[in-house]
C-alpha atoms as a PDB file:
ATOM      1  CA  MET A   1     -18.341 151.109 113.971  1.00  0.00           C
ATOM      2  CA  ARG A   2     -18.528 152.953 117.277  1.00  0.00           C
ATOM      3  CA  ARG A   3     -20.558 156.102 117.194  1.00  0.00           C
ATOM      4  CA  ARG A   4     -18.812 159.400 117.724  1.00  0.00           C
ATOM      5  CA  GLN A   5     -19.918 161.346 120.786  1.00  0.00           C
ATOM      6  CA  TRP A   6     -21.285 164.287 118.816  1.00  0.00           C
ATOM      7  CA  ASP A   7     -23.168 161.896 116.556  1.00  0.00           C
ATOM      8  CA  THR A   8     -24.883 160.191 119.485  1.00  0.00           C
ATOM      9  CA  THR A   9     -25.667 163.489 121.190  1.00  0.00           C
ATOM     10  CA  LEU A  10     -27.166 165.140 118.125  1.00  0.00           C
ATOM     11  CA  TYR A  11     -29.105 162.043 117.116  1.00  0.00           C
ATOM     12  CA  GLU A  12     -30.723 161.889 120.537  1.00  0.00           C
ATOM     13  CA  LEU A  13     -31.687 165.553 120.188  1.00  0.00           C
ATOM     14  CA  ALA A  14     -32.972 165.160 116.639  1.00  0.00           C
ATOM     15  CA  GLU A  15     -34.827 161.901 117.176  1.00  0.00           C
ATOM     16  CA  ALA A  16     -37.515 163.533 119.298  1.00  0.00           C
ATOM     17  CA  GLN A  17     -37.865 166.519 116.950  1.00  0.00           C
ATOM     18  CA  ALA A  18     -38.200 165.097 113.434  1.00  0.00           C
ATOM     19  CA  GLY A  19     -34.447 165.469 112.855  1.00  0.00           C
ATOM     20  CA  TYR A  20     -34.213 169.116 113.936  1.00  0.00           C
ATOM     21  CA  PHE A  21     -32.605 170.882 116.881  1.00  0.00           C
ATOM     22  CA  THR A  22     -31.461 174.365 117.907  1.00  0.00           C
ATOM     23  CA  ALA A  23     -27.941 175.582 118.530  1.00  0.00           C
ATOM     24  CA  ALA A  24     -28.987 176.307 122.117  1.00  0.00           C
ATOM     25  CA  GLN A  25     -30.089 172.698 122.593  1.00  0.00           C
ATOM     26  CA  ALA A  26     -26.784 171.466 121.176  1.00  0.00           C
ATOM     27  CA  ARG A  27     -24.806 173.743 123.526  1.00  0.00           C
ATOM     28  CA  ALA A  28     -26.846 172.521 126.486  1.00  0.00           C
ATOM     29  CA  ALA A  29     -25.935 168.968 125.430  1.00  0.00           C
ATOM     30  CA  GLY A  30     -22.224 169.848 125.444  1.00  0.00           C
ATOM     31  CA  LEU A  31     -21.509 170.788 121.806  1.00  0.00           C
ATOM     32  CA  HIS A  32     -19.855 174.171 121.259  1.00  0.00           C
ATOM     33  CA  GLN A  33     -20.994 176.520 118.495  1.00  0.00           C
ATOM     34  CA  VAL A  34     -17.600 176.140 116.786  1.00  0.00           C
ATOM     35  CA  ARG A  35     -18.156 172.375 116.565  1.00  0.00           C
ATOM     36  CA  LEU A  36     -21.590 172.921 115.024  1.00  0.00           C
ATOM     37  CA  ALA A  37     -20.021 175.201 112.407  1.00  0.00           C
ATOM     38  CA  GLN A  38     -17.452 172.511 111.578  1.00  0.00           C
ATOM     39  CA  LEU A  39     -20.122 169.829 111.224  1.00  0.00           C
ATOM     40  CA  HIS A  40     -22.135 172.158 109.007  1.00  0.00           C
ATOM     41  CA  GLN A  41     -19.130 172.778 106.751  1.00  0.00           C
ATOM     42  CA  ARG A  42     -18.512 169.022 106.494  1.00  0.00           C
ATOM     43  CA  GLY A  43     -22.090 168.428 105.429  1.00  0.00           C
ATOM     44  CA  ASP A  44     -23.183 166.511 108.536  1.00  0.00           C
ATOM     45  CA  LEU A  45     -25.642 169.255 109.436  1.00  0.00           C
ATOM     46  CA  GLU A  46     -27.972 171.424 107.411  1.00  0.00           C
ATOM     47  CA  ARG A  47     -28.674 174.916 108.681  1.00  0.00           C
ATOM     48  CA  VAL A  48     -32.347 175.512 107.890  1.00  0.00           C
ATOM     49  CA  THR A  49     -32.569 178.957 109.497  1.00  0.00           C
ATOM     50  CA  ARG A  50     -30.567 181.035 111.924  1.00  0.00           C
ATOM     51  CA  GLY A  51     -29.967 178.899 115.008  1.00  0.00           C
ATOM     52  CA  VAL A  52     -31.942 175.859 113.745  1.00  0.00           C
ATOM     53  CA  TYR A  53     -30.228 172.798 112.243  1.00  0.00           C
ATOM     54  CA  ARG A  54     -31.209 169.452 110.757  1.00  0.00           C
ATOM     55  CA  LEU A  55     -29.157 166.278 111.095  1.00  0.00           C
ATOM     56  CA  VAL A  56     -28.589 165.336 107.445  1.00  0.00           C
ATOM     57  CA  ARG A  57     -28.606 161.581 107.894  1.00  0.00           C
ATOM     58  CA  TYR A  58     -31.920 161.666 109.739  1.00  0.00           C
ATOM     59  CA  PRO A  59     -34.854 160.763 107.421  1.00  0.00           C
ATOM     60  CA  ILE A  60     -36.546 163.829 105.968  1.00  0.00           C
ATOM     61  CA  SER A  61     -39.939 164.426 107.568  1.00  0.00           C
ATOM     62  CA  PRO A  62     -42.925 165.788 105.598  1.00  0.00           C
ATOM     63  CA  LEU A  63     -43.618 167.887 108.711  1.00  0.00           C
ATOM     64  CA  GLY A  64     -40.125 169.367 108.746  1.00  0.00           C
ATOM     65  CA  GLN A  65     -41.246 172.927 108.040  1.00  0.00           C
ATOM     66  CA  TYR A  66     -43.562 172.775 111.042  1.00  0.00           C
ATOM     67  CA  MET A  67     -40.847 171.447 113.336  1.00  0.00           C
ATOM     68  CA  GLU A  68     -38.566 174.242 112.168  1.00  0.00           C
ATOM     69  CA  ALA A  69     -41.300 176.799 112.879  1.00  0.00           C
ATOM     70  CA  ALA A  70     -41.935 175.403 116.365  1.00  0.00           C
ATOM     71  CA  LEU A  71     -38.219 175.527 117.213  1.00  0.00           C
ATOM     72  CA  TRP A  72     -37.518 178.985 115.815  1.00  0.00           C
ATOM     73  CA  PRO A  73     -38.724 180.881 118.942  1.00  0.00           C
ATOM     74  CA  GLN A  74     -36.346 178.804 121.091  1.00  0.00           C
ATOM     75  CA  VAL A  75     -33.198 179.990 119.324  1.00  0.00           C
ATOM     76  CA  ARG A  76     -32.791 182.861 121.781  1.00  0.00           C
ATOM     77  CA  ARG A  77     -35.399 181.842 124.333  1.00  0.00           C
ATOM     78  CA  PRO A  78     -34.964 178.109 125.051  1.00  0.00           C
ATOM     79  CA  ASP A  79     -38.079 178.191 127.236  1.00  0.00           C
ATOM     80  CA  ALA A  80     -40.240 179.748 124.515  1.00  0.00           C
ATOM     81  CA  ARG A  81     -42.098 176.678 123.383  1.00  0.00           C
ATOM     82  CA  GLY A  82     -43.821 177.127 120.047  1.00  0.00           C
ATOM     83  CA  VAL A  83     -46.915 175.092 119.128  1.00  0.00           C
ATOM     84  CA  ILE A  84     -48.273 174.775 115.582  1.00  0.00           C
ATOM     85  CA  SER A  85     -51.831 176.071 115.616  1.00  0.00           C
ATOM     86  CA  HIS A  86     -54.779 177.594 113.743  1.00  0.00           C
ATOM     87  CA  GLU A  87     -55.027 176.742 110.028  1.00  0.00           C
ATOM     88  CA  SER A  88     -51.560 175.145 110.043  1.00  0.00           C
ATOM     89  CA  ALA A  89     -52.740 172.592 112.587  1.00  0.00           C
ATOM     90  CA  LEU A  90     -55.775 171.889 110.387  1.00  0.00           C
ATOM     91  CA  VAL A  91     -53.418 171.178 107.479  1.00  0.00           C
ATOM     92  CA  ILE A  92     -51.402 168.721 109.578  1.00  0.00           C
ATOM     93  CA  TYR A  93     -54.589 166.854 110.529  1.00  0.00           C
ATOM     94  CA  GLY A  94     -55.953 167.043 106.983  1.00  0.00           C
ATOM     95  CA  LEU A  95     -59.092 168.904 108.072  1.00  0.00           C
ATOM     96  CA  SER A  96     -60.766 171.156 105.464  1.00  0.00           C
ATOM     97  CA  ASP A  97     -59.230 172.703 102.375  1.00  0.00           C
ATOM     98  CA  ALA A  98     -57.569 175.501 104.338  1.00  0.00           C
ATOM     99  CA  SER A  99     -54.258 176.501 102.739  1.00  0.00           C
ATOM    100  CA  PRO A 100     -52.554 179.163 104.868  1.00  0.00           C
ATOM    101  CA  ALA A 101     -49.820 181.272 103.311  1.00  0.00           C
ATOM    102  CA  LYS A 102     -47.858 181.207 106.595  1.00  0.00           C
ATOM    103  CA  VAL A 103     -47.109 178.679 109.306  1.00  0.00           C
ATOM    104  CA  HIS A 104     -49.098 179.605 112.410  1.00  0.00           C
ATOM    105  CA  VAL A 105     -47.304 179.244 115.751  1.00  0.00           C
ATOM    106  CA  THR A 106     -48.734 179.944 119.211  1.00  0.00           C
ATOM    107  CA  LEU A 107     -46.485 181.119 122.054  1.00  0.00           C
ATOM    108  CA  PRO A 108     -47.260 181.726 125.754  1.00  0.00           C
ATOM    109  CA  THR A 109     -48.655 185.207 126.427  1.00  0.00           C
ATOM    110  CA  GLU A 110     -45.683 186.167 128.623  1.00  0.00           C
ATOM    111  CA  PHE A 111     -43.222 185.819 125.733  1.00  0.00           C
ATOM    112  CA  ARG A 112     -42.491 188.521 123.218  1.00  0.00           C
ATOM    113  CA  ILE A 113     -40.147 188.038 120.289  1.00  0.00           C
ATOM    114  CA  ARG A 114     -37.856 191.041 119.928  1.00  0.00           C
ATOM    115  CA  ARG A 115     -36.230 190.075 116.664  1.00  0.00           C
ATOM    116  CA  ALA A 116     -37.493 190.071 113.114  1.00  0.00           C
ATOM    117  CA  VAL A 117     -40.057 187.347 112.525  1.00  0.00           C
ATOM    118  CA  PRO A 118     -39.517 185.362 109.303  1.00  0.00           C
ATOM    119  CA  LYS A 119     -42.086 186.255 106.661  1.00  0.00           C
ATOM    120  CA  HIS A 120     -43.339 182.680 106.478  1.00  0.00           C
ATOM    121  CA  LEU A 121     -44.370 182.631 110.165  1.00  0.00           C
ATOM    122  CA  ALA A 122     -47.496 184.029 111.843  1.00  0.00           C
ATOM    123  CA  LEU A 123     -47.184 184.289 115.632  1.00  0.00           C
ATOM    124  CA  HIS A 124     -50.085 184.102 118.095  1.00  0.00           C
ATOM    125  CA  TYR A 125     -50.076 184.332 121.875  1.00  0.00           C
ATOM    126  CA  ALA A 126     -52.146 182.169 124.236  1.00  0.00           C
ATOM    127  CA  ASP A 127     -51.591 180.130 127.377  1.00  0.00           C
ATOM    128  CA  LEU A 128     -52.362 176.649 126.099  1.00  0.00           C
ATOM    129  CA  LYS A 129     -53.294 173.933 128.553  1.00  0.00           C
ATOM    130  CA  PRO A 130     -51.643 170.492 128.309  1.00  0.00           C
ATOM    131  CA  LYS A 131     -54.939 169.031 127.087  1.00  0.00           C
ATOM    132  CA  ASP A 132     -54.857 171.462 124.125  1.00  0.00           C
ATOM    133  CA  VAL A 133     -51.533 170.166 122.741  1.00  0.00           C
ATOM    134  CA  GLN A 134     -50.373 166.852 121.348  1.00  0.00           C
ATOM    135  CA  GLN A 135     -47.344 165.541 119.466  1.00  0.00           C
ATOM    136  CA  VAL A 136     -47.624 164.622 115.787  1.00  0.00           C
ATOM    137  CA  GLU A 137     -44.417 162.893 114.676  1.00  0.00           C
ATOM    138  CA  GLY A 138     -42.522 164.954 117.235  1.00  0.00           C
ATOM    139  CA  VAL A 139     -44.151 168.268 116.274  1.00  0.00           C
ATOM    140  CA  PRO A 140     -46.163 170.032 119.016  1.00  0.00           C
ATOM    141  CA  VAL A 141     -49.603 170.785 117.559  1.00  0.00           C
ATOM    142  CA  THR A 142     -52.822 172.078 119.085  1.00  0.00           C
ATOM    143  CA  THR A 143     -55.615 169.501 119.157  1.00  0.00           C
ATOM    144  CA  ALA A 144     -58.139 169.479 116.338  1.00  0.00           C
ATOM    145  CA  ALA A 145     -60.854 171.030 118.515  1.00  0.00           C
ATOM    146  CA  ARG A 146     -58.554 173.840 119.684  1.00  0.00           C
ATOM    147  CA  ALA A 147     -57.288 174.447 116.131  1.00  0.00           C
ATOM    148  CA  ILE A 148     -60.846 174.800 114.803  1.00  0.00           C
ATOM    149  CA  ARG A 149     -61.752 177.278 117.545  1.00  0.00           C
ATOM    150  CA  ASP A 150     -58.582 179.298 116.937  1.00  0.00           C
ATOM    151  CA  ALA A 151     -59.163 179.327 113.182  1.00  0.00           C
ATOM    152  CA  HIS A 152     -62.722 180.546 113.761  1.00  0.00           C
ATOM    153  CA  VAL A 153     -61.471 183.385 115.968  1.00  0.00           C
ATOM    154  CA  SER A 154     -59.012 184.292 113.188  1.00  0.00           C
ATOM    155  CA  HIS A 155     -61.993 184.618 110.827  1.00  0.00           C
ATOM    156  CA  LEU A 156     -61.575 181.482 108.763  1.00  0.00           C
ATOM    157  CA  GLY A 157     -64.711 181.201 106.619  1.00  0.00           C
ATOM    158  CA  SER A 158     -67.713 179.315 107.999  1.00  0.00           C
ATOM    159  CA  ALA A 159     -67.658 176.911 105.046  1.00  0.00           C
ATOM    160  CA  LEU A 160     -64.110 175.817 105.911  1.00  0.00           C
ATOM    161  CA  ILE A 161     -64.988 175.624 109.623  1.00  0.00           C
ATOM    162  CA  ARG A 162     -67.949 173.387 108.814  1.00  0.00           C
ATOM    163  CA  GLN A 163     -65.755 171.253 106.566  1.00  0.00           C
ATOM    164  CA  ALA A 164     -63.097 170.968 109.284  1.00  0.00           C
ATOM    165  CA  ILE A 165     -65.704 169.792 111.798  1.00  0.00           C
ATOM    166  CA  ASN A 166     -67.147 167.250 109.370  1.00  0.00           C
ATOM    167  CA  ASP A 167     -63.679 165.987 108.455  1.00  0.00           C
ATOM    168  CA  GLY A 168     -62.736 165.791 112.133  1.00  0.00           C
ATOM    169  CA  ARG A 169     -65.835 163.720 112.892  1.00  0.00           C
ATOM    170  CA  ARG A 170     -65.199 161.437 109.916  1.00  0.00           C
ATOM    171  CA  THR A 171     -61.498 160.854 110.618  1.00  0.00           C
ATOM    172  CA  GLY A 172     -61.820 160.510 114.382  1.00  0.00           C
ATOM    173  CA  HIS A 173     -59.834 163.646 115.229  1.00  0.00           C
ATOM    174  CA  LEU A 174     -63.033 164.854 116.907  1.00  0.00           C
ATOM    175  CA  THR A 175     -65.430 162.844 119.029  1.00  0.00           C
ATOM    176  CA  LEU A 176     -69.121 163.051 118.179  1.00  0.00           C
ATOM    177  CA  ASP A 177     -69.687 165.184 121.270  1.00  0.00           C
ATOM    178  CA  GLN A 178     -66.853 167.547 120.320  1.00  0.00           C
ATOM    179  CA  ALA A 179     -68.166 167.895 116.782  1.00  0.00           C
ATOM    180  CA  GLU A 180     -71.705 168.678 117.975  1.00  0.00           C
ATOM    181  CA  GLN A 181     -70.435 171.186 120.500  1.00  0.00           C
ATOM    182  CA  LEU A 182     -68.316 172.958 117.868  1.00  0.00           C
ATOM    183  CA  GLU A 183     -71.228 173.074 115.437  1.00  0.00           C
ATOM    184  CA  GLN A 184     -73.464 174.632 118.076  1.00  0.00           C
ATOM    185  CA  GLU A 185     -70.796 177.007 119.406  1.00  0.00           C
ATOM    186  CA  LEU A 186     -69.275 178.205 116.127  1.00  0.00           C
ATOM    187  CA  LEU A 187     -72.007 177.684 113.532  1.00  0.00           C
ATOM    188  CA  GLY A 188     -75.131 178.135 115.649  1.00  0.00           C
ATOM    189  CA  THR A 189     -76.653 174.771 114.701  1.00  0.00           C
ATOM    190  CA  LYS A 190     -78.929 172.831 117.043  1.00  0.00           C
ATOM    191  CA  PRO A 191     -77.485 169.727 118.735  1.00  0.00           C
ATOM    192  CA  ARG A 192     -78.387 166.657 116.701  1.00  0.00           C
ATOM    193  CA  ARG A 193     -79.276 164.624 119.766  1.00  0.00           C
ATOM    194  CA  GLN A 194     -81.741 167.275 120.902  1.00  0.00           C
ATOM    195  CA  THR A 195     -83.306 167.284 117.449  1.00  0.00           C
ATOM    196  CA  ARG A 196     -83.650 163.491 117.597  1.00  0.00           C
ATOM    197  CA  ARG A 197     -85.305 163.672 121.019  1.00  0.00           C
ATOM    198  CA  VAL A 198     -87.818 166.269 119.784  1.00  0.00           C
ATOM    199  CA  SER A 199     -88.618 164.142 116.740  1.00  0.00           C
ATOM    200  CA  GLN A 200     -89.136 161.051 118.868  1.00  0.00           C
ATOM    201  CA  SER A 201     -91.401 162.870 121.346  1.00  0.00           C
ATOM    202  CA  ALA A 202     -93.552 164.151 118.458  1.00  0.00           C
ATOM    203  CA  VAL A 203     -94.102 160.579 117.291  1.00  0.00           C
ATOM    204  CA  MET A 204     -94.883 159.121 120.731  1.00  0.00           C
ATOM    205  CA  PRO A 205     -98.591 160.200 120.993  1.00  0.00           C
ATOM    206  CA  ARG A 206     -99.416 158.595 117.645  1.00  0.00           C
ATOM    207  CA  ASP A 207     -97.674 155.380 118.701  1.00  0.00           C
ATOM    208  CA  THR A 208     -99.581 155.329 122.011  1.00  0.00           C
ATOM    209  CA  ASN A 209    -102.980 155.832 120.324  1.00  0.00           C
ATOM    210  CA  SER A 210    -102.140 153.187 117.775  1.00  0.00           C
ATOM    211  CA  LYS A 211    -101.332 150.685 120.505  1.00  0.00           C
ATOM    212  CA  ALA A 212    -104.581 151.500 122.344  1.00  0.00           C
ATOM    213  CA  ALA A 213    -106.592 151.001 119.171  1.00  0.00           C
ATOM    214  CA  ASN A 214    -104.911 147.682 118.515  1.00  0.00           C
ATOM    215  CA  ARG A 215    -105.667 146.601 122.076  1.00  0.00           C
ATOM    216  CA  SER A 216    -109.387 147.432 121.702  1.00  0.00           C
ATOM    217  CA  ALA A 217    -109.566 145.544 118.426  1.00  0.00           C
ATOM    218  CA  ALA A 218    -107.969 142.494 120.002  1.00  0.00           C
ATOM    219  CA  ILE A 219    -110.395 142.545 122.987  1.00  0.00           C
ATOM    220  CA  GLY A 220    -113.478 142.903 120.781  1.00  0.00           C
ATOM    221  CA  PRO A 221    -116.516 145.197 121.172  1.00  0.00           C
ATOM    222  CA  GLY A 222    -118.483 142.837 123.453  1.00  0.00           C
ATOM    223  CA  THR A 223    -115.651 142.472 125.912  1.00  0.00           C
ATOM    224  CA  ALA A 224    -114.995 146.197 125.789  1.00  0.00           C
ATOM    225  CA  ARG A 225    -118.679 146.912 126.787  1.00  0.00           C
ATOM    226  CA  ALA A 226    -118.428 144.388 129.602  1.00  0.00           C
ATOM    227  CA  LEU A 227    -115.321 146.086 130.905  1.00  0.00           C
ATOM    228  CA  ARG A 228    -117.142 149.411 130.911  1.00  0.00           C
END
């Protein structure tokens, strides 16, 4: 059966955003608000919050609440890109036992939301660089390293920060260099590589003397006197 135009348009919008889209995005794609209301009444769309919809036939995503949170700022400001951050980003990556009561979203510093913020959202403001953001199943999320730093600034306990770093190293969300840098920067620990170098240098003199002694034993006392 041939797809209806609205179906194709909305699916293309939803496909890149875990099944979600805003009314503003739909209008920009050519669908009037009245049409959205009709589709909602028919059960083709689910209205998850004011101005944010989900295409019902799109598979439900376990990250749906985060996609909704990232889209919420765009309802009235289409250019206000929200990024899931702080402890919420740690939850998405499965780093530490952090369990935030709200979904943390970071917005550019130039934006200010002038309407009531839903109680389940916590807004932060920072100018994130492209290298600080990645897509997880369509959801914009700060990288693990950035999320750990942000959570530390927001006073997440040192035990959870340490756990997040260890989990990040174990799962590959952090490189070994990133993990060491975070440990030194946030927890005040010494770099492991530096500790290894110090340990090796402390052993070197003993190894050198041992080799010299072995050499003398192999040459023999008579030969050693002759050499002197």
